[in-house]
N, C-alpha and C. Protein backbone atom coordinates (compact mmCIF):
# COMPACT_ATOMS: atom_id res chain seq x y z
N MET A 1 -40.74 -5.24 -4.21
CA MET A 1 -39.69 -5.31 -5.21
C MET A 1 -38.39 -4.78 -4.58
N PRO A 2 -37.29 -5.49 -4.76
CA PRO A 2 -36.01 -5.02 -4.21
C PRO A 2 -35.63 -3.66 -4.80
N LYS A 3 -34.95 -2.86 -4.01
CA LYS A 3 -34.55 -1.53 -4.46
C LYS A 3 -33.38 -1.56 -5.43
N PHE A 4 -32.64 -2.67 -5.46
CA PHE A 4 -31.46 -2.78 -6.31
C PHE A 4 -31.53 -4.04 -7.15
N PHE A 5 -30.86 -4.01 -8.29
CA PHE A 5 -30.66 -5.23 -9.06
C PHE A 5 -29.18 -5.32 -9.39
N GLU A 6 -28.73 -6.53 -9.65
CA GLU A 6 -27.31 -6.76 -9.88
C GLU A 6 -27.02 -6.81 -11.38
N ILE A 7 -25.91 -6.18 -11.78
CA ILE A 7 -25.47 -6.26 -13.17
C ILE A 7 -24.00 -6.69 -13.20
N ASN A 8 -23.58 -7.18 -14.34
CA ASN A 8 -22.18 -7.51 -14.56
C ASN A 8 -21.40 -6.20 -14.68
N PRO A 9 -20.28 -6.05 -13.97
CA PRO A 9 -19.50 -4.80 -14.09
C PRO A 9 -19.14 -4.44 -15.53
N LYS A 10 -19.02 -5.42 -16.41
CA LYS A 10 -18.69 -5.13 -17.81
C LYS A 10 -19.82 -4.39 -18.52
N HIS A 11 -21.02 -4.41 -17.95
CA HIS A 11 -22.16 -3.71 -18.54
C HIS A 11 -22.37 -2.33 -17.93
N PHE A 12 -21.53 -1.95 -17.01
CA PHE A 12 -21.64 -0.63 -16.38
C PHE A 12 -21.06 0.40 -17.35
N ASP A 13 -21.93 1.25 -17.87
CA ASP A 13 -21.53 2.19 -18.91
C ASP A 13 -21.69 3.61 -18.39
N TYR A 14 -20.77 4.02 -17.55
CA TYR A 14 -20.80 5.35 -16.97
C TYR A 14 -19.38 5.89 -16.99
N ASN A 15 -19.23 7.16 -17.23
CA ASN A 15 -17.90 7.77 -17.26
C ASN A 15 -17.32 7.77 -15.85
N VAL A 16 -16.34 6.90 -15.61
CA VAL A 16 -15.79 6.75 -14.26
C VAL A 16 -15.00 7.98 -13.82
N PHE A 17 -14.50 8.78 -14.75
CA PHE A 17 -13.81 10.00 -14.38
C PHE A 17 -14.79 10.99 -13.74
N ARG A 18 -15.97 11.11 -14.34
CA ARG A 18 -17.00 11.97 -13.75
C ARG A 18 -17.55 11.35 -12.47
N LEU A 19 -17.70 10.04 -12.49
CA LEU A 19 -18.28 9.35 -11.34
C LEU A 19 -17.47 9.60 -10.08
N ILE A 20 -16.18 9.33 -10.12
CA ILE A 20 -15.38 9.46 -8.90
C ILE A 20 -14.82 10.86 -8.72
N GLY A 21 -14.49 11.53 -9.80
CA GLY A 21 -13.90 12.86 -9.68
C GLY A 21 -14.89 13.97 -9.43
N ASP A 22 -16.08 13.87 -9.99
CA ASP A 22 -17.09 14.92 -9.85
C ASP A 22 -18.20 14.56 -8.87
N LYS A 23 -18.73 13.35 -9.00
CA LYS A 23 -19.84 12.95 -8.14
C LYS A 23 -19.37 12.51 -6.76
N TRP A 24 -18.14 12.03 -6.67
CA TRP A 24 -17.55 11.48 -5.47
C TRP A 24 -18.20 10.15 -5.11
N GLY A 25 -17.52 9.41 -4.29
CA GLY A 25 -18.04 8.13 -3.81
C GLY A 25 -18.06 8.11 -2.30
N LEU A 26 -18.72 7.12 -1.77
CA LEU A 26 -18.76 6.90 -0.33
C LEU A 26 -18.17 5.53 -0.07
N LEU A 27 -16.98 5.51 0.52
CA LEU A 27 -16.28 4.28 0.84
C LEU A 27 -16.70 3.85 2.23
N SER A 28 -17.06 2.57 2.38
CA SER A 28 -17.48 2.05 3.69
C SER A 28 -16.83 0.71 3.94
N ALA A 29 -16.50 0.49 5.20
CA ALA A 29 -15.97 -0.81 5.63
C ALA A 29 -16.54 -1.13 7.00
N LYS A 30 -16.67 -2.42 7.25
CA LYS A 30 -17.30 -2.91 8.47
C LYS A 30 -16.29 -3.74 9.24
N LYS A 31 -16.31 -3.60 10.56
CA LYS A 31 -15.51 -4.48 11.42
C LYS A 31 -16.33 -4.75 12.67
N ASP A 32 -16.22 -5.96 13.17
CA ASP A 32 -16.98 -6.36 14.35
C ASP A 32 -18.44 -5.96 14.17
N ASP A 33 -18.97 -5.15 15.08
CA ASP A 33 -20.38 -4.77 14.96
C ASP A 33 -20.54 -3.31 14.52
N GLY A 34 -19.48 -2.70 14.02
CA GLY A 34 -19.57 -1.32 13.58
C GLY A 34 -19.08 -1.14 12.16
N PHE A 35 -19.27 0.05 11.65
CA PHE A 35 -18.78 0.40 10.31
C PHE A 35 -18.51 1.89 10.27
N ASN A 36 -17.78 2.30 9.27
CA ASN A 36 -17.54 3.71 9.05
C ASN A 36 -17.50 3.98 7.55
N MET A 37 -17.70 5.25 7.23
CA MET A 37 -17.74 5.66 5.83
C MET A 37 -16.96 6.95 5.68
N MET A 38 -16.46 7.18 4.48
CA MET A 38 -15.80 8.44 4.15
C MET A 38 -16.01 8.75 2.68
N THR A 39 -16.05 10.03 2.38
CA THR A 39 -16.16 10.47 1.00
C THR A 39 -14.82 10.31 0.30
N VAL A 40 -14.85 9.84 -0.94
CA VAL A 40 -13.63 9.72 -1.73
C VAL A 40 -13.84 10.40 -3.09
N SER A 41 -12.79 11.07 -3.53
CA SER A 41 -12.83 11.68 -4.87
C SER A 41 -11.60 11.27 -5.68
N TRP A 42 -10.85 10.33 -5.15
CA TRP A 42 -9.73 9.72 -5.86
C TRP A 42 -9.98 8.24 -5.92
N GLY A 43 -9.67 7.63 -7.03
CA GLY A 43 -9.83 6.19 -7.16
C GLY A 43 -9.68 5.77 -8.60
N THR A 44 -9.62 4.47 -8.80
CA THR A 44 -9.52 3.94 -10.15
C THR A 44 -10.43 2.74 -10.31
N PHE A 45 -10.84 2.51 -11.53
CA PHE A 45 -11.58 1.31 -11.93
C PHE A 45 -10.80 0.68 -13.07
N GLY A 46 -10.80 -0.63 -13.14
CA GLY A 46 -10.11 -1.25 -14.26
C GLY A 46 -10.06 -2.75 -14.14
N VAL A 47 -9.11 -3.32 -14.85
CA VAL A 47 -8.89 -4.77 -14.83
C VAL A 47 -7.45 -4.99 -14.40
N LEU A 48 -7.27 -5.83 -13.40
CA LEU A 48 -5.95 -6.16 -12.88
C LEU A 48 -5.96 -7.63 -12.49
N TRP A 49 -4.93 -8.35 -12.85
CA TRP A 49 -4.83 -9.78 -12.55
C TRP A 49 -6.03 -10.56 -13.11
N GLY A 50 -6.57 -10.05 -14.23
CA GLY A 50 -7.70 -10.70 -14.87
C GLY A 50 -9.02 -10.51 -14.13
N ARG A 51 -9.07 -9.52 -13.24
CA ARG A 51 -10.28 -9.29 -12.43
C ARG A 51 -10.72 -7.83 -12.56
N ASN A 52 -12.02 -7.61 -12.45
CA ASN A 52 -12.56 -6.25 -12.43
C ASN A 52 -12.30 -5.68 -11.04
N ILE A 53 -11.62 -4.53 -11.01
CA ILE A 53 -11.19 -4.01 -9.72
C ILE A 53 -11.57 -2.53 -9.53
N VAL A 54 -11.55 -2.16 -8.26
CA VAL A 54 -11.62 -0.77 -7.81
C VAL A 54 -10.38 -0.56 -6.96
N ASN A 55 -9.78 0.61 -7.08
CA ASN A 55 -8.63 0.97 -6.26
C ASN A 55 -9.00 2.25 -5.51
N VAL A 56 -8.96 2.18 -4.18
CA VAL A 56 -9.30 3.34 -3.35
C VAL A 56 -8.10 3.69 -2.47
N PHE A 57 -8.09 4.91 -1.98
CA PHE A 57 -6.95 5.42 -1.23
C PHE A 57 -7.42 6.05 0.07
N VAL A 58 -6.77 5.67 1.18
CA VAL A 58 -7.18 6.16 2.50
C VAL A 58 -5.93 6.59 3.26
N ARG A 59 -5.97 7.77 3.83
CA ARG A 59 -4.86 8.22 4.66
C ARG A 59 -4.95 7.53 6.02
N PRO A 60 -3.81 7.23 6.64
CA PRO A 60 -3.82 6.46 7.89
C PRO A 60 -4.49 7.16 9.07
N GLN A 61 -4.61 8.48 9.04
CA GLN A 61 -5.25 9.17 10.16
C GLN A 61 -6.78 9.15 10.07
N ARG A 62 -7.31 8.71 8.95
CA ARG A 62 -8.76 8.65 8.80
C ARG A 62 -9.33 7.51 9.64
N TYR A 63 -10.47 7.74 10.25
CA TYR A 63 -11.12 6.71 11.06
C TYR A 63 -11.44 5.48 10.21
N THR A 64 -11.80 5.68 8.97
CA THR A 64 -12.13 4.57 8.06
C THR A 64 -10.94 3.64 7.86
N TYR A 65 -9.73 4.16 8.01
CA TYR A 65 -8.53 3.34 7.87
C TYR A 65 -8.58 2.11 8.78
N GLU A 66 -8.98 2.30 10.04
CA GLU A 66 -9.07 1.17 10.99
C GLU A 66 -10.01 0.09 10.46
N PHE A 67 -11.10 0.52 9.88
CA PHE A 67 -12.09 -0.43 9.36
C PHE A 67 -11.57 -1.12 8.11
N MET A 68 -10.91 -0.36 7.24
CA MET A 68 -10.34 -0.96 6.03
C MET A 68 -9.26 -1.99 6.39
N GLU A 69 -8.48 -1.72 7.40
CA GLU A 69 -7.42 -2.63 7.81
C GLU A 69 -7.97 -3.92 8.43
N ASN A 70 -9.15 -3.83 9.01
CA ASN A 70 -9.70 -4.97 9.74
C ASN A 70 -10.84 -5.67 9.02
N SER A 71 -11.02 -5.37 7.75
CA SER A 71 -12.10 -5.99 6.98
C SER A 71 -11.54 -6.57 5.69
N ASP A 72 -12.11 -7.66 5.26
CA ASP A 72 -11.73 -8.26 3.97
C ASP A 72 -12.53 -7.68 2.82
N THR A 73 -13.55 -6.88 3.14
CA THR A 73 -14.43 -6.33 2.12
C THR A 73 -14.59 -4.83 2.34
N PHE A 74 -15.05 -4.15 1.28
CA PHE A 74 -15.45 -2.75 1.40
C PHE A 74 -16.46 -2.47 0.29
N THR A 75 -17.18 -1.38 0.44
CA THR A 75 -18.11 -0.96 -0.60
C THR A 75 -17.77 0.44 -1.05
N LEU A 76 -18.11 0.72 -2.29
CA LEU A 76 -17.98 2.05 -2.85
C LEU A 76 -19.33 2.39 -3.46
N CYS A 77 -19.99 3.40 -2.89
CA CYS A 77 -21.34 3.78 -3.32
C CYS A 77 -21.30 5.15 -3.99
N PHE A 78 -22.18 5.31 -4.97
CA PHE A 78 -22.33 6.59 -5.65
C PHE A 78 -23.80 6.98 -5.60
N PHE A 79 -24.05 8.29 -5.52
CA PHE A 79 -25.38 8.83 -5.28
C PHE A 79 -25.75 9.86 -6.34
N ASP A 80 -27.05 10.14 -6.44
CA ASP A 80 -27.52 11.21 -7.30
C ASP A 80 -27.08 12.55 -6.72
N GLU A 81 -27.17 13.59 -7.53
CA GLU A 81 -26.76 14.94 -7.12
C GLU A 81 -27.48 15.41 -5.86
N ASP A 82 -28.70 14.92 -5.63
CA ASP A 82 -29.46 15.33 -4.44
C ASP A 82 -28.69 15.05 -3.15
N TYR A 83 -27.75 14.16 -3.18
CA TYR A 83 -27.02 13.75 -1.97
C TYR A 83 -25.63 14.37 -1.88
N HIS A 84 -25.32 15.33 -2.72
CA HIS A 84 -23.98 15.92 -2.70
C HIS A 84 -23.67 16.58 -1.35
N LYS A 85 -24.64 17.26 -0.77
CA LYS A 85 -24.44 17.89 0.55
C LYS A 85 -24.15 16.82 1.60
N SER A 86 -24.84 15.70 1.51
CA SER A 86 -24.59 14.60 2.46
C SER A 86 -23.17 14.07 2.30
N LEU A 87 -22.69 13.97 1.07
CA LEU A 87 -21.32 13.52 0.84
C LEU A 87 -20.31 14.54 1.36
N GLU A 88 -20.62 15.82 1.23
CA GLU A 88 -19.76 16.85 1.82
C GLU A 88 -19.69 16.67 3.34
N THR A 89 -20.85 16.41 3.95
CA THR A 89 -20.90 16.18 5.40
C THR A 89 -20.08 14.96 5.78
N ALA A 90 -20.22 13.88 5.02
CA ALA A 90 -19.47 12.65 5.31
C ALA A 90 -17.97 12.88 5.20
N GLY A 91 -17.55 13.77 4.34
CA GLY A 91 -16.14 14.07 4.19
C GLY A 91 -15.60 15.03 5.24
N ARG A 92 -16.48 15.84 5.78
CA ARG A 92 -16.08 16.86 6.75
C ARG A 92 -16.04 16.34 8.18
N LEU A 93 -16.95 15.42 8.51
CA LEU A 93 -17.06 14.93 9.89
C LEU A 93 -16.33 13.61 10.06
N SER A 94 -15.94 13.33 11.29
CA SER A 94 -15.29 12.05 11.60
C SER A 94 -16.26 11.16 12.36
N GLY A 95 -16.28 9.89 11.99
CA GLY A 95 -17.08 8.90 12.70
C GLY A 95 -16.60 8.67 14.12
N ARG A 96 -15.41 9.14 14.45
CA ARG A 96 -14.93 9.07 15.84
C ARG A 96 -15.74 10.00 16.74
N ASP A 97 -16.25 11.09 16.14
CA ASP A 97 -16.87 12.15 16.92
C ASP A 97 -18.39 12.20 16.83
N VAL A 98 -18.94 11.77 15.70
CA VAL A 98 -20.38 11.88 15.48
C VAL A 98 -20.90 10.63 14.78
N ASP A 99 -22.21 10.48 14.80
CA ASP A 99 -22.88 9.42 14.04
C ASP A 99 -23.06 9.95 12.62
N LYS A 100 -22.13 9.61 11.75
CA LYS A 100 -22.15 10.16 10.39
C LYS A 100 -23.37 9.71 9.60
N VAL A 101 -23.83 8.50 9.83
CA VAL A 101 -25.02 8.02 9.12
C VAL A 101 -26.20 8.93 9.43
N LYS A 102 -26.37 9.24 10.70
CA LYS A 102 -27.47 10.12 11.11
C LYS A 102 -27.29 11.52 10.54
N GLU A 103 -26.07 12.05 10.64
CA GLU A 103 -25.79 13.41 10.15
C GLU A 103 -26.01 13.52 8.64
N CYS A 104 -25.73 12.45 7.91
CA CYS A 104 -25.86 12.46 6.45
C CYS A 104 -27.25 12.07 5.98
N GLY A 105 -28.02 11.44 6.86
CA GLY A 105 -29.37 11.01 6.49
C GLY A 105 -29.41 9.75 5.65
N PHE A 106 -28.38 8.92 5.76
CA PHE A 106 -28.33 7.67 4.99
C PHE A 106 -28.94 6.52 5.78
N THR A 107 -29.47 5.54 5.05
CA THR A 107 -30.06 4.34 5.63
C THR A 107 -29.15 3.16 5.30
N PRO A 108 -28.41 2.65 6.29
CA PRO A 108 -27.48 1.55 6.00
C PRO A 108 -28.19 0.23 5.75
N ILE A 109 -27.62 -0.55 4.85
CA ILE A 109 -28.06 -1.92 4.58
C ILE A 109 -26.85 -2.81 4.87
N ILE A 110 -27.00 -3.70 5.83
CA ILE A 110 -25.92 -4.64 6.15
C ILE A 110 -26.11 -5.87 5.27
N ASP A 111 -25.08 -6.22 4.54
CA ASP A 111 -25.12 -7.34 3.60
C ASP A 111 -23.90 -8.21 3.90
N GLY A 112 -24.06 -9.18 4.79
CA GLY A 112 -22.93 -10.01 5.21
C GLY A 112 -21.89 -9.16 5.92
N ASN A 113 -20.68 -9.14 5.38
CA ASN A 113 -19.61 -8.33 5.97
C ASN A 113 -19.49 -6.95 5.34
N SER A 114 -20.50 -6.56 4.59
CA SER A 114 -20.45 -5.27 3.89
C SER A 114 -21.62 -4.39 4.32
N VAL A 115 -21.45 -3.11 4.10
CA VAL A 115 -22.53 -2.16 4.36
C VAL A 115 -22.62 -1.20 3.17
N TYR A 116 -23.86 -0.93 2.76
CA TYR A 116 -24.09 0.10 1.75
C TYR A 116 -25.37 0.82 2.13
N TYR A 117 -25.87 1.70 1.27
CA TYR A 117 -26.91 2.62 1.68
C TYR A 117 -28.09 2.59 0.71
N GLU A 118 -29.26 2.60 1.29
CA GLU A 118 -30.51 2.53 0.52
C GLU A 118 -30.60 3.66 -0.50
N GLU A 119 -30.03 4.80 -0.20
CA GLU A 119 -30.12 5.97 -1.07
C GLU A 119 -29.15 5.93 -2.25
N ALA A 120 -28.23 5.00 -2.27
CA ALA A 120 -27.20 4.94 -3.33
C ALA A 120 -27.83 4.62 -4.68
N SER A 121 -27.19 5.11 -5.73
CA SER A 121 -27.59 4.77 -7.10
C SER A 121 -26.81 3.56 -7.60
N TYR A 122 -25.52 3.50 -7.24
CA TYR A 122 -24.64 2.40 -7.66
C TYR A 122 -23.84 1.93 -6.45
N VAL A 123 -23.73 0.62 -6.30
CA VAL A 123 -23.00 0.04 -5.17
C VAL A 123 -22.02 -1.00 -5.70
N PHE A 124 -20.75 -0.78 -5.44
CA PHE A 124 -19.70 -1.74 -5.78
C PHE A 124 -19.32 -2.47 -4.50
N LEU A 125 -19.61 -3.77 -4.43
CA LEU A 125 -19.23 -4.59 -3.28
C LEU A 125 -17.92 -5.29 -3.64
N CYS A 126 -16.89 -5.02 -2.86
CA CYS A 126 -15.54 -5.44 -3.22
C CYS A 126 -14.89 -6.29 -2.14
N ARG A 127 -14.02 -7.18 -2.60
CA ARG A 127 -13.20 -8.01 -1.70
C ARG A 127 -11.76 -7.55 -1.87
N LYS A 128 -11.12 -7.23 -0.75
CA LYS A 128 -9.74 -6.75 -0.80
C LYS A 128 -8.82 -7.82 -1.36
N LEU A 129 -7.99 -7.40 -2.31
CA LEU A 129 -6.98 -8.27 -2.90
C LEU A 129 -5.57 -7.86 -2.49
N TYR A 130 -5.38 -6.56 -2.27
CA TYR A 130 -4.02 -6.04 -2.07
C TYR A 130 -4.09 -4.70 -1.36
N ARG A 131 -3.07 -4.42 -0.56
CA ARG A 131 -2.93 -3.10 0.07
C ARG A 131 -1.46 -2.75 0.12
N ASP A 132 -1.19 -1.48 0.01
CA ASP A 132 0.19 -1.01 0.12
C ASP A 132 0.16 0.48 0.39
N ALA A 133 1.21 0.97 1.02
CA ALA A 133 1.35 2.40 1.25
C ALA A 133 2.14 3.03 0.12
N PHE A 134 1.83 4.28 -0.17
CA PHE A 134 2.68 5.03 -1.09
C PHE A 134 3.99 5.32 -0.37
N HIS A 135 5.08 5.26 -1.11
CA HIS A 135 6.41 5.51 -0.55
C HIS A 135 7.03 6.70 -1.27
N PRO A 136 7.53 7.68 -0.54
CA PRO A 136 8.01 8.91 -1.19
C PRO A 136 9.11 8.68 -2.21
N GLU A 137 9.96 7.71 -1.98
CA GLU A 137 11.06 7.47 -2.91
C GLU A 137 10.59 6.86 -4.23
N GLN A 138 9.35 6.38 -4.28
CA GLN A 138 8.84 5.76 -5.50
C GLN A 138 8.17 6.77 -6.45
N PHE A 139 7.96 7.99 -6.00
CA PHE A 139 7.35 9.00 -6.87
C PHE A 139 8.35 9.44 -7.93
N VAL A 140 8.00 9.29 -9.17
CA VAL A 140 8.82 9.77 -10.28
C VAL A 140 8.68 11.29 -10.36
N ASP A 141 7.44 11.77 -10.24
CA ASP A 141 7.18 13.20 -10.20
C ASP A 141 7.34 13.66 -8.75
N LYS A 142 8.46 14.25 -8.44
CA LYS A 142 8.80 14.63 -7.06
C LYS A 142 7.96 15.78 -6.53
N THR A 143 7.19 16.46 -7.40
CA THR A 143 6.32 17.52 -6.90
C THR A 143 5.12 16.97 -6.16
N ILE A 144 4.73 15.73 -6.45
CA ILE A 144 3.54 15.16 -5.81
C ILE A 144 3.74 15.01 -4.30
N PRO A 145 4.77 14.34 -3.82
CA PRO A 145 4.90 14.25 -2.36
C PRO A 145 5.09 15.61 -1.69
N GLU A 146 5.73 16.53 -2.39
CA GLU A 146 5.94 17.87 -1.82
C GLU A 146 4.63 18.64 -1.68
N THR A 147 3.75 18.53 -2.68
CA THR A 147 2.52 19.32 -2.67
C THR A 147 1.34 18.60 -2.05
N VAL A 148 1.23 17.30 -2.26
CA VAL A 148 0.07 16.55 -1.77
C VAL A 148 0.31 16.00 -0.36
N TYR A 149 1.56 15.74 -0.02
CA TYR A 149 1.88 15.11 1.26
C TYR A 149 2.90 15.92 2.07
N PRO A 150 2.63 17.19 2.34
CA PRO A 150 3.61 17.99 3.09
C PRO A 150 3.85 17.46 4.50
N THR A 151 2.85 16.76 5.07
CA THR A 151 3.01 16.18 6.42
C THR A 151 3.38 14.70 6.36
N LYS A 152 3.67 14.22 5.17
CA LYS A 152 4.14 12.83 4.97
C LYS A 152 3.11 11.77 5.38
N ASP A 153 1.84 12.10 5.27
CA ASP A 153 0.76 11.16 5.59
C ASP A 153 0.29 10.47 4.31
N TYR A 154 1.13 9.62 3.79
CA TYR A 154 0.90 8.97 2.50
C TYR A 154 -0.30 8.03 2.55
N HIS A 155 -1.07 8.06 1.48
CA HIS A 155 -2.24 7.19 1.37
C HIS A 155 -1.86 5.71 1.40
N ILE A 156 -2.78 4.92 1.89
CA ILE A 156 -2.74 3.47 1.74
C ILE A 156 -3.63 3.17 0.54
N SER A 157 -3.14 2.37 -0.38
CA SER A 157 -3.88 1.98 -1.57
C SER A 157 -4.49 0.60 -1.34
N TYR A 158 -5.77 0.48 -1.60
CA TYR A 158 -6.47 -0.81 -1.48
C TYR A 158 -7.03 -1.19 -2.84
N VAL A 159 -6.68 -2.37 -3.30
CA VAL A 159 -7.24 -2.91 -4.54
C VAL A 159 -8.31 -3.91 -4.14
N GLY A 160 -9.51 -3.72 -4.65
CA GLY A 160 -10.60 -4.63 -4.35
C GLY A 160 -11.22 -5.19 -5.61
N GLU A 161 -11.46 -6.49 -5.61
CA GLU A 161 -12.17 -7.11 -6.73
C GLU A 161 -13.65 -6.82 -6.58
N ILE A 162 -14.27 -6.37 -7.66
CA ILE A 162 -15.70 -6.11 -7.65
C ILE A 162 -16.41 -7.45 -7.69
N GLU A 163 -16.99 -7.84 -6.56
CA GLU A 163 -17.71 -9.12 -6.50
C GLU A 163 -19.15 -8.97 -6.96
N ARG A 164 -19.73 -7.80 -6.68
CA ARG A 164 -21.11 -7.52 -7.11
C ARG A 164 -21.23 -6.04 -7.41
N LEU A 165 -22.06 -5.72 -8.39
CA LEU A 165 -22.39 -4.34 -8.70
C LEU A 165 -23.91 -4.22 -8.67
N LEU A 166 -24.40 -3.40 -7.77
CA LEU A 166 -25.83 -3.20 -7.62
C LEU A 166 -26.21 -1.83 -8.18
N VAL A 167 -27.35 -1.79 -8.84
CA VAL A 167 -27.86 -0.56 -9.43
C VAL A 167 -29.26 -0.33 -8.89
N ARG A 168 -29.52 0.91 -8.50
CA ARG A 168 -30.84 1.27 -7.97
C ARG A 168 -31.90 1.00 -9.04
N ARG A 169 -32.99 0.43 -8.62
CA ARG A 169 -34.06 0.02 -9.53
C ARG A 169 -34.96 1.22 -9.85
N GLU A 170 -34.56 1.97 -10.87
CA GLU A 170 -35.37 3.08 -11.38
C GLU A 170 -35.23 3.03 -12.89
N GLU A 171 -36.32 3.13 -13.59
CA GLU A 171 -36.32 2.93 -15.04
C GLU A 171 -35.30 3.79 -15.78
N GLU A 172 -35.20 5.08 -15.40
CA GLU A 172 -34.27 5.94 -16.14
C GLU A 172 -32.82 5.50 -15.95
N LYS A 173 -32.49 4.94 -14.80
CA LYS A 173 -31.12 4.45 -14.58
C LYS A 173 -30.90 3.14 -15.32
N ILE A 174 -31.89 2.29 -15.33
CA ILE A 174 -31.76 1.01 -16.03
C ILE A 174 -31.49 1.26 -17.51
N ASP A 175 -32.25 2.16 -18.12
CA ASP A 175 -32.06 2.46 -19.53
C ASP A 175 -30.67 3.04 -19.78
N LYS A 176 -30.22 3.94 -18.92
CA LYS A 176 -28.93 4.58 -19.12
C LYS A 176 -27.80 3.57 -19.05
N ILE A 177 -27.89 2.62 -18.16
CA ILE A 177 -26.81 1.66 -17.96
C ILE A 177 -26.83 0.56 -19.02
N LEU A 178 -28.00 0.06 -19.33
CA LEU A 178 -28.07 -1.12 -20.19
C LEU A 178 -28.10 -0.80 -21.68
N LEU A 179 -28.40 0.43 -22.04
CA LEU A 179 -28.44 0.78 -23.47
C LEU A 179 -27.11 1.24 -23.98
């Protein structure tokens, strides 16, 4: 039996503020024969241009930035609490220096041009629609660039259309999502 099943994003009934802000996500992108991942705790879910989207943010000095720039797709995975330490590790280490998959104990699944992880509870497979950098002159609240970007390393924003949403096949999760 497959470990995941696909649902329509409109049927995903989970508090996205807790999901991304508290549980964190694992953003991954693939290029050529490699991939990289990074922990994210900022992001948005919604509808834009009549499409279900995810919006993620990556600073240009992150190793994942190279992969995001060179891929048309990305994934955003969420895990049970048991994997919080692994997500901390993924956020602390750089894929330039270590094998983050090994350090985190994740099992990658290559799915076409995307990669996600066997241990994930929820997997958003996304196709990039738009990218742009934050610009300091566009901030209405001038305290944000001063406090969040003191070194002027503004995030790149990526909007991705959710092409598929996979949910780990476990009865308690199925009931929580579909009821």
